[in-house]
Amino acid sequence: MSSAIDFYFDFYSPYGYLASLRIDEIAARHDCKVNWKPFMLGATFSITGHQPLTDTPMMADYTLLDLARSARLQAAKFCMPDEFPQAALSCSRAFYVLVDQQPEQAVALAKAIYKAIFGEGKDGTRIELIAELARNLEIDAEALVPAMQTQPIKDRLKAETQAAINRGVFGSPFIFIGDEPFWGNDRLDQLDRWLETGGW
């Protein structure tokens, strides 16, 4: 089955991080393209009434346990940052500066940012960190950083977030194959099976 996968995520979603480590591999097995689509998860909270799992009574301790366990299952490095959650405005804007003209570099930067936040526990809101990661990937950080502050890029992120909400995205990760939605890192095996069989 050949199709495109739309991969919605928030850079401060730890389950989004875990999904980001597998999504391209799953897609490649089925000759699929992945469209990476960062959005601002916090914008959905006033609609759904949700809040970060780590701020939810009774669920917080379990969530931290489950994240560590899920990371071990994937043999993934995992470290919750000291400041969590945070708004991933700068990360997301950096992605949208690049994605139209340099899509491969945009995805490479997204992966590097996710690794820094949840693989190393770094502060992903720091523009200096984003610039450093960009330079490591031979991305022009001196052009990237000021572009992140421009109104068109700010508007782009708002528009992408609203488009995600309009499509019914309420969590991270949230993945579509065509019009078929899958919510959560724990649905990636279903996603893999759906691509293999054509659905059920």
C-alpha atoms as a PDB file:
ATOM      1  CA  MET A   1       0.000   0.000   0.000  1.00  0.00           C
ATOM      2  CA  SER A   2       1.536   3.292  -1.094  1.00  0.00           C
ATOM      3  CA  SER A   3       0.245   6.457   0.505  1.00  0.00           C
ATOM      4  CA  ALA A   4       1.304   9.557   2.399  1.00  0.00           C
ATOM      5  CA  ILE A   5       1.380   9.821   6.162  1.00  0.00           C
ATOM      6  CA  ASP A   6       0.586  13.130   7.863  1.00  0.00           C
ATOM      7  CA  PHE A   7       2.464  13.222  11.161  1.00  0.00           C
ATOM      8  CA  TYR A   8       1.200  15.909  13.565  1.00  0.00           C
ATOM      9  CA  PHE A   9       3.263  16.558  16.677  1.00  0.00           C
ATOM     10  CA  ASP A  10       4.174  19.111  19.304  1.00  0.00           C
ATOM     11  CA  PHE A  11       7.889  19.454  20.057  1.00  0.00           C
ATOM     12  CA  TYR A  12       7.135  19.301  23.789  1.00  0.00           C
ATOM     13  CA  SER A  13       5.186  16.067  23.481  1.00  0.00           C
ATOM     14  CA  PRO A  14       7.282  13.172  24.831  1.00  0.00           C
ATOM     15  CA  TYR A  15       5.043  10.637  23.132  1.00  0.00           C
ATOM     16  CA  GLY A  16       5.486  12.633  19.943  1.00  0.00           C
ATOM     17  CA  TYR A  17       9.238  12.263  20.431  1.00  0.00           C
ATOM     18  CA  LEU A  18       8.969   8.493  20.740  1.00  0.00           C
ATOM     19  CA  ALA A  19       6.799   8.329  17.630  1.00  0.00           C
ATOM     20  CA  SER A  20       9.258  10.501  15.722  1.00  0.00           C
ATOM     21  CA  LEU A  21      11.915   7.831  16.201  1.00  0.00           C
ATOM     22  CA  ARG A  22       9.820   5.222  14.354  1.00  0.00           C
ATOM     23  CA  ILE A  23       7.565   7.008  11.894  1.00  0.00           C
ATOM     24  CA  ASP A  24      10.012   7.265   8.997  1.00  0.00           C
ATOM     25  CA  GLU A  25      11.099   3.643   9.368  1.00  0.00           C
ATOM     26  CA  ILE A  26       7.495   2.443   9.288  1.00  0.00           C
ATOM     27  CA  ALA A  27       6.733   4.607   6.279  1.00  0.00           C
ATOM     28  CA  ALA A  28       9.798   3.384   4.385  1.00  0.00           C
ATOM     29  CA  ARG A  29       8.685  -0.241   4.740  1.00  0.00           C
ATOM     30  CA  HIS A  30       5.525   0.647   2.849  1.00  0.00           C
ATOM     31  CA  ASP A  31       6.996   3.082   0.313  1.00  0.00           C
ATOM     32  CA  CYS A  32       5.242   6.021   1.967  1.00  0.00           C
ATOM     33  CA  LYS A  33       6.154   9.658   2.348  1.00  0.00           C
ATOM     34  CA  VAL A  34       5.850  11.296   5.763  1.00  0.00           C
ATOM     35  CA  ASN A  35       4.615  14.874   5.970  1.00  0.00           C
ATOM     36  CA  TRP A  36       5.944  16.231   9.279  1.00  0.00           C
ATOM     37  CA  LYS A  37       3.513  18.795  10.709  1.00  0.00           C
ATOM     38  CA  PRO A  38       4.397  20.496  13.995  1.00  0.00           C
ATOM     39  CA  PHE A  39       1.539  22.330  15.676  1.00  0.00           C
ATOM     40  CA  MET A  40       0.829  23.926  19.046  1.00  0.00           C
ATOM     41  CA  LEU A  41      -0.902  21.311  21.173  1.00  0.00           C
ATOM     42  CA  GLY A  42      -1.773  23.856  23.857  1.00  0.00           C
ATOM     43  CA  ALA A  43      -4.180  25.510  21.442  1.00  0.00           C
ATOM     44  CA  THR A  44      -6.416  22.436  21.648  1.00  0.00           C
ATOM     45  CA  PHE A  45      -6.714  22.395  25.448  1.00  0.00           C
ATOM     46  CA  SER A  46      -9.410  25.055  25.627  1.00  0.00           C
ATOM     47  CA  ILE A  47     -11.442  22.959  23.182  1.00  0.00           C
ATOM     48  CA  THR A  48     -10.913  19.509  24.685  1.00  0.00           C
ATOM     49  CA  GLY A  49     -10.599  20.492  28.330  1.00  0.00           C
ATOM     50  CA  HIS A  50      -7.384  18.473  28.513  1.00  0.00           C
ATOM     51  CA  GLN A  51      -4.110  19.521  30.098  1.00  0.00           C
ATOM     52  CA  PRO A  52      -0.603  18.030  29.996  1.00  0.00           C
ATOM     53  CA  LEU A  53      -0.652  14.516  31.398  1.00  0.00           C
ATOM     54  CA  THR A  54       2.111  15.395  33.849  1.00  0.00           C
ATOM     55  CA  ASP A  55      -0.162  18.093  35.295  1.00  0.00           C
ATOM     56  CA  THR A  56      -3.170  15.789  35.640  1.00  0.00           C
ATOM     57  CA  PRO A  57      -3.960  14.410  39.108  1.00  0.00           C
ATOM     58  CA  MET A  58      -3.450  10.641  39.440  1.00  0.00           C
ATOM     59  CA  MET A  59      -2.096  10.394  35.881  1.00  0.00           C
ATOM     60  CA  ALA A  60       1.192  12.267  36.341  1.00  0.00           C
ATOM     61  CA  ASP A  61       3.218   9.558  38.098  1.00  0.00           C
ATOM     62  CA  TYR A  62       1.916   6.864  35.773  1.00  0.00           C
ATOM     63  CA  THR A  63       2.758   8.946  32.725  1.00  0.00           C
ATOM     64  CA  LEU A  64       6.384   9.376  33.805  1.00  0.00           C
ATOM     65  CA  LEU A  65       6.655   5.640  34.453  1.00  0.00           C
ATOM     66  CA  ASP A  66       5.058   4.798  31.118  1.00  0.00           C
ATOM     67  CA  LEU A  67       7.280   7.184  29.186  1.00  0.00           C
ATOM     68  CA  ALA A  68      10.429   5.660  30.647  1.00  0.00           C
ATOM     69  CA  ARG A  69       9.114   2.139  30.018  1.00  0.00           C
ATOM     70  CA  SER A  70       8.077   2.950  26.457  1.00  0.00           C
ATOM     71  CA  ALA A  71      11.486   4.454  25.747  1.00  0.00           C
ATOM     72  CA  ARG A  72      13.212   1.327  27.071  1.00  0.00           C
ATOM     73  CA  LEU A  73      11.024  -0.831  24.844  1.00  0.00           C
ATOM     74  CA  GLN A  74      12.180   1.199  21.844  1.00  0.00           C
ATOM     75  CA  ALA A  75      15.790   1.276  23.082  1.00  0.00           C
ATOM     76  CA  ALA A  76      15.502   5.061  22.917  1.00  0.00           C
ATOM     77  CA  LYS A  77      17.361   7.590  25.006  1.00  0.00           C
ATOM     78  CA  PHE A  78      14.886   9.468  27.180  1.00  0.00           C
ATOM     79  CA  CYS A  79      15.271  12.297  29.679  1.00  0.00           C
ATOM     80  CA  MET A  80      12.462  14.586  30.791  1.00  0.00           C
ATOM     81  CA  PRO A  81      13.634  18.207  30.660  1.00  0.00           C
ATOM     82  CA  ASP A  82      13.614  20.119  33.939  1.00  0.00           C
ATOM     83  CA  GLU A  83      11.188  22.699  32.550  1.00  0.00           C
ATOM     84  CA  PHE A  84       8.161  20.826  31.264  1.00  0.00           C
ATOM     85  CA  PRO A  85       5.856  21.486  29.568  1.00  0.00           C
ATOM     86  CA  GLN A  86       6.805  24.517  27.525  1.00  0.00           C
ATOM     87  CA  ALA A  87       5.433  26.186  24.411  1.00  0.00           C
ATOM     88  CA  ALA A  88       7.446  25.079  21.404  1.00  0.00           C
ATOM     89  CA  LEU A  89       6.998  28.279  19.415  1.00  0.00           C
ATOM     90  CA  SER A  90      10.619  28.716  18.353  1.00  0.00           C
ATOM     91  CA  CYS A  91      11.094  25.057  17.427  1.00  0.00           C
ATOM     92  CA  SER A  92       7.973  25.006  15.295  1.00  0.00           C
ATOM     93  CA  ARG A  93       8.713  28.320  13.618  1.00  0.00           C
ATOM     94  CA  ALA A  94      12.218  27.118  12.728  1.00  0.00           C
ATOM     95  CA  PHE A  95      10.688  24.093  11.020  1.00  0.00           C
ATOM     96  CA  TYR A  96       8.318  26.195   8.951  1.00  0.00           C
ATOM     97  CA  VAL A  97      11.109  28.534   7.862  1.00  0.00           C
ATOM     98  CA  LEU A  98      12.738  25.537   6.166  1.00  0.00           C
ATOM     99  CA  VAL A  99      10.047  23.106   5.142  1.00  0.00           C
ATOM    100  CA  ASP A 100       8.946  24.561   1.800  1.00  0.00           C
ATOM    101  CA  GLN A 101      12.390  25.029   0.268  1.00  0.00           C
ATOM    102  CA  GLN A 102      14.477  22.585   2.315  1.00  0.00           C
ATOM    103  CA  PRO A 103      12.121  19.822   3.487  1.00  0.00           C
ATOM    104  CA  GLU A 104      14.817  17.267   4.252  1.00  0.00           C
ATOM    105  CA  GLN A 105      16.724  19.762   6.364  1.00  0.00           C
ATOM    106  CA  ALA A 106      13.511  20.762   8.139  1.00  0.00           C
ATOM    107  CA  VAL A 107      12.918  17.153   9.174  1.00  0.00           C
ATOM    108  CA  ALA A 108      16.565  16.684  10.156  1.00  0.00           C
ATOM    109  CA  LEU A 109      16.337  19.770  12.363  1.00  0.00           C
ATOM    110  CA  ALA A 110      13.064  18.539  13.886  1.00  0.00           C
ATOM    111  CA  LYS A 111      14.710  15.242  14.807  1.00  0.00           C
ATOM    112  CA  ALA A 112      17.726  17.036  16.280  1.00  0.00           C
ATOM    113  CA  ILE A 113      15.491  19.316  18.360  1.00  0.00           C
ATOM    114  CA  TYR A 114      13.452  16.372  19.641  1.00  0.00           C
ATOM    115  CA  LYS A 115      16.657  14.513  20.552  1.00  0.00           C
ATOM    116  CA  ALA A 116      17.980  17.556  22.409  1.00  0.00           C
ATOM    117  CA  ILE A 117      14.752  17.993  24.397  1.00  0.00           C
ATOM    118  CA  PHE A 118      13.851  14.410  25.277  1.00  0.00           C
ATOM    119  CA  GLY A 119      17.065  12.515  24.565  1.00  0.00           C
ATOM    120  CA  GLU A 120      19.292  14.955  26.452  1.00  0.00           C
ATOM    121  CA  GLY A 121      16.894  16.984  28.614  1.00  0.00           C
ATOM    122  CA  LYS A 122      17.857  20.330  27.086  1.00  0.00           C
ATOM    123  CA  ASP A 123      15.727  23.472  26.893  1.00  0.00           C
ATOM    124  CA  GLY A 124      14.251  23.416  23.409  1.00  0.00           C
ATOM    125  CA  THR A 125      12.843  26.914  23.726  1.00  0.00           C
ATOM    126  CA  ARG A 126      16.332  28.445  23.595  1.00  0.00           C
ATOM    127  CA  ILE A 127      16.950  30.031  20.220  1.00  0.00           C
ATOM    128  CA  GLU A 128      20.678  29.590  20.818  1.00  0.00           C
ATOM    129  CA  LEU A 129      20.185  25.817  20.998  1.00  0.00           C
ATOM    130  CA  ILE A 130      18.137  25.778  17.811  1.00  0.00           C
ATOM    131  CA  ALA A 131      20.841  27.795  16.055  1.00  0.00           C
ATOM    132  CA  GLU A 132      23.548  25.417  17.292  1.00  0.00           C
ATOM    133  CA  LEU A 133      21.619  22.375  16.098  1.00  0.00           C
ATOM    134  CA  ALA A 134      21.054  24.058  12.738  1.00  0.00           C
ATOM    135  CA  ARG A 135      24.765  24.770  12.314  1.00  0.00           C
ATOM    136  CA  ASN A 136      25.561  21.145  13.118  1.00  0.00           C
ATOM    137  CA  LEU A 137      23.344  20.200  10.172  1.00  0.00           C
ATOM    138  CA  GLU A 138      24.966  22.807   7.908  1.00  0.00           C
ATOM    139  CA  ILE A 139      21.793  24.899   7.943  1.00  0.00           C
ATOM    140  CA  ASP A 140      22.355  28.648   7.720  1.00  0.00           C
ATOM    141  CA  ALA A 141      21.536  29.614  11.309  1.00  0.00           C
ATOM    142  CA  GLU A 142      22.271  33.286  10.650  1.00  0.00           C
ATOM    143  CA  ALA A 143      19.417  33.293   8.135  1.00  0.00           C
ATOM    144  CA  LEU A 144      17.195  30.899  10.065  1.00  0.00           C
ATOM    145  CA  VAL A 145      17.023  32.769  13.374  1.00  0.00           C
ATOM    146  CA  PRO A 146      15.780  36.149  12.098  1.00  0.00           C
ATOM    147  CA  ALA A 147      13.372  34.405   9.730  1.00  0.00           C
ATOM    148  CA  MET A 148      11.771  32.687  12.734  1.00  0.00           C
ATOM    149  CA  GLN A 149      10.748  36.094  14.083  1.00  0.00           C
ATOM    150  CA  THR A 150       9.004  37.312  10.926  1.00  0.00           C
ATOM    151  CA  GLN A 151       5.264  37.785  10.833  1.00  0.00           C
ATOM    152  CA  PRO A 152       4.712  35.422   7.878  1.00  0.00           C
ATOM    153  CA  ILE A 153       6.316  32.557   9.822  1.00  0.00           C
ATOM    154  CA  LYS A 154       4.360  33.383  12.968  1.00  0.00           C
ATOM    155  CA  ASP A 155       1.194  33.418  10.872  1.00  0.00           C
ATOM    156  CA  ARG A 156       2.183  30.150   9.207  1.00  0.00           C
ATOM    157  CA  LEU A 157       2.420  28.352  12.534  1.00  0.00           C
ATOM    158  CA  LYS A 158      -0.953  29.742  13.601  1.00  0.00           C
ATOM    159  CA  ALA A 159      -2.473  28.621  10.319  1.00  0.00           C
ATOM    160  CA  GLU A 160      -0.929  25.137  10.551  1.00  0.00           C
ATOM    161  CA  THR A 161      -2.217  24.778  14.108  1.00  0.00           C
ATOM    162  CA  GLN A 162      -5.712  25.854  13.103  1.00  0.00           C
ATOM    163  CA  ALA A 163      -5.648  23.499  10.128  1.00  0.00           C
ATOM    164  CA  ALA A 164      -4.713  20.645  12.468  1.00  0.00           C
ATOM    165  CA  ILE A 165      -7.588  21.517  14.792  1.00  0.00           C
ATOM    166  CA  ASN A 166      -9.976  21.770  11.858  1.00  0.00           C
ATOM    167  CA  ARG A 167      -8.932  18.279  10.833  1.00  0.00           C
ATOM    168  CA  GLY A 168      -9.711  16.926  14.282  1.00  0.00           C
ATOM    169  CA  VAL A 169      -6.204  16.735  15.714  1.00  0.00           C
ATOM    170  CA  PHE A 170      -6.387  16.887  19.527  1.00  0.00           C
ATOM    171  CA  GLY A 171      -3.212  15.141  20.684  1.00  0.00           C
ATOM    172  CA  SER A 172       0.422  14.451  19.890  1.00  0.00           C
ATOM    173  CA  PRO A 173       1.358  12.391  18.041  1.00  0.00           C
ATOM    174  CA  PHE A 174      -1.647  12.327  15.735  1.00  0.00           C
ATOM    175  CA  ILE A 175      -1.261  10.572  12.403  1.00  0.00           C
ATOM    176  CA  PHE A 176      -3.397  10.267   9.299  1.00  0.00           C
ATOM    177  CA  ILE A 177      -3.248   7.786   6.451  1.00  0.00           C
ATOM    178  CA  GLY A 178      -5.584   9.486   4.047  1.00  0.00           C
ATOM    179  CA  ASP A 179      -8.581  10.229   6.245  1.00  0.00           C
ATOM    180  CA  GLU A 180      -7.879   7.446   8.750  1.00  0.00           C
ATOM    181  CA  PRO A 181      -6.728   8.900  12.111  1.00  0.00           C
ATOM    182  CA  PHE A 182      -4.392   7.296  14.639  1.00  0.00           C
ATOM    183  CA  TRP A 183      -3.756   8.988  17.994  1.00  0.00           C
ATOM    184  CA  GLY A 184      -0.785   8.144  20.154  1.00  0.00           C
ATOM    185  CA  ASN A 185       2.603   6.492  20.026  1.00  0.00           C
ATOM    186  CA  ASP A 186       0.914   3.257  21.061  1.00  0.00           C
ATOM    187  CA  ARG A 187      -1.001   3.202  17.769  1.00  0.00           C
ATOM    188  CA  LEU A 188       2.092   2.957  15.567  1.00  0.00           C
ATOM    189  CA  ASP A 189       1.823  -0.830  15.353  1.00  0.00           C
ATOM    190  CA  GLN A 190      -1.764  -0.418  14.157  1.00  0.00           C
ATOM    191  CA  LEU A 191      -0.540   2.153  11.658  1.00  0.00           C
ATOM    192  CA  ASP A 192       2.087  -0.295  10.395  1.00  0.00           C
ATOM    193  CA  ARG A 193      -0.526  -3.035  10.054  1.00  0.00           C
ATOM    194  CA  TRP A 194      -2.968  -0.675   8.299  1.00  0.00           C
ATOM    195  CA  LEU A 195      -0.345   0.184   5.714  1.00  0.00           C
ATOM    196  CA  GLU A 196       0.439  -3.495   5.214  1.00  0.00           C
ATOM    197  CA  THR A 197      -3.154  -4.641   4.769  1.00  0.00           C
ATOM    198  CA  GLY A 198      -4.931  -1.608   3.376  1.00  0.00           C
ATOM    199  CA  GLY A 199      -7.115  -1.336   6.470  1.00  0.00           C
ATOM    200  CA  TRP A 200      -9.881  -3.303   8.124  1.00  0.00           C
END
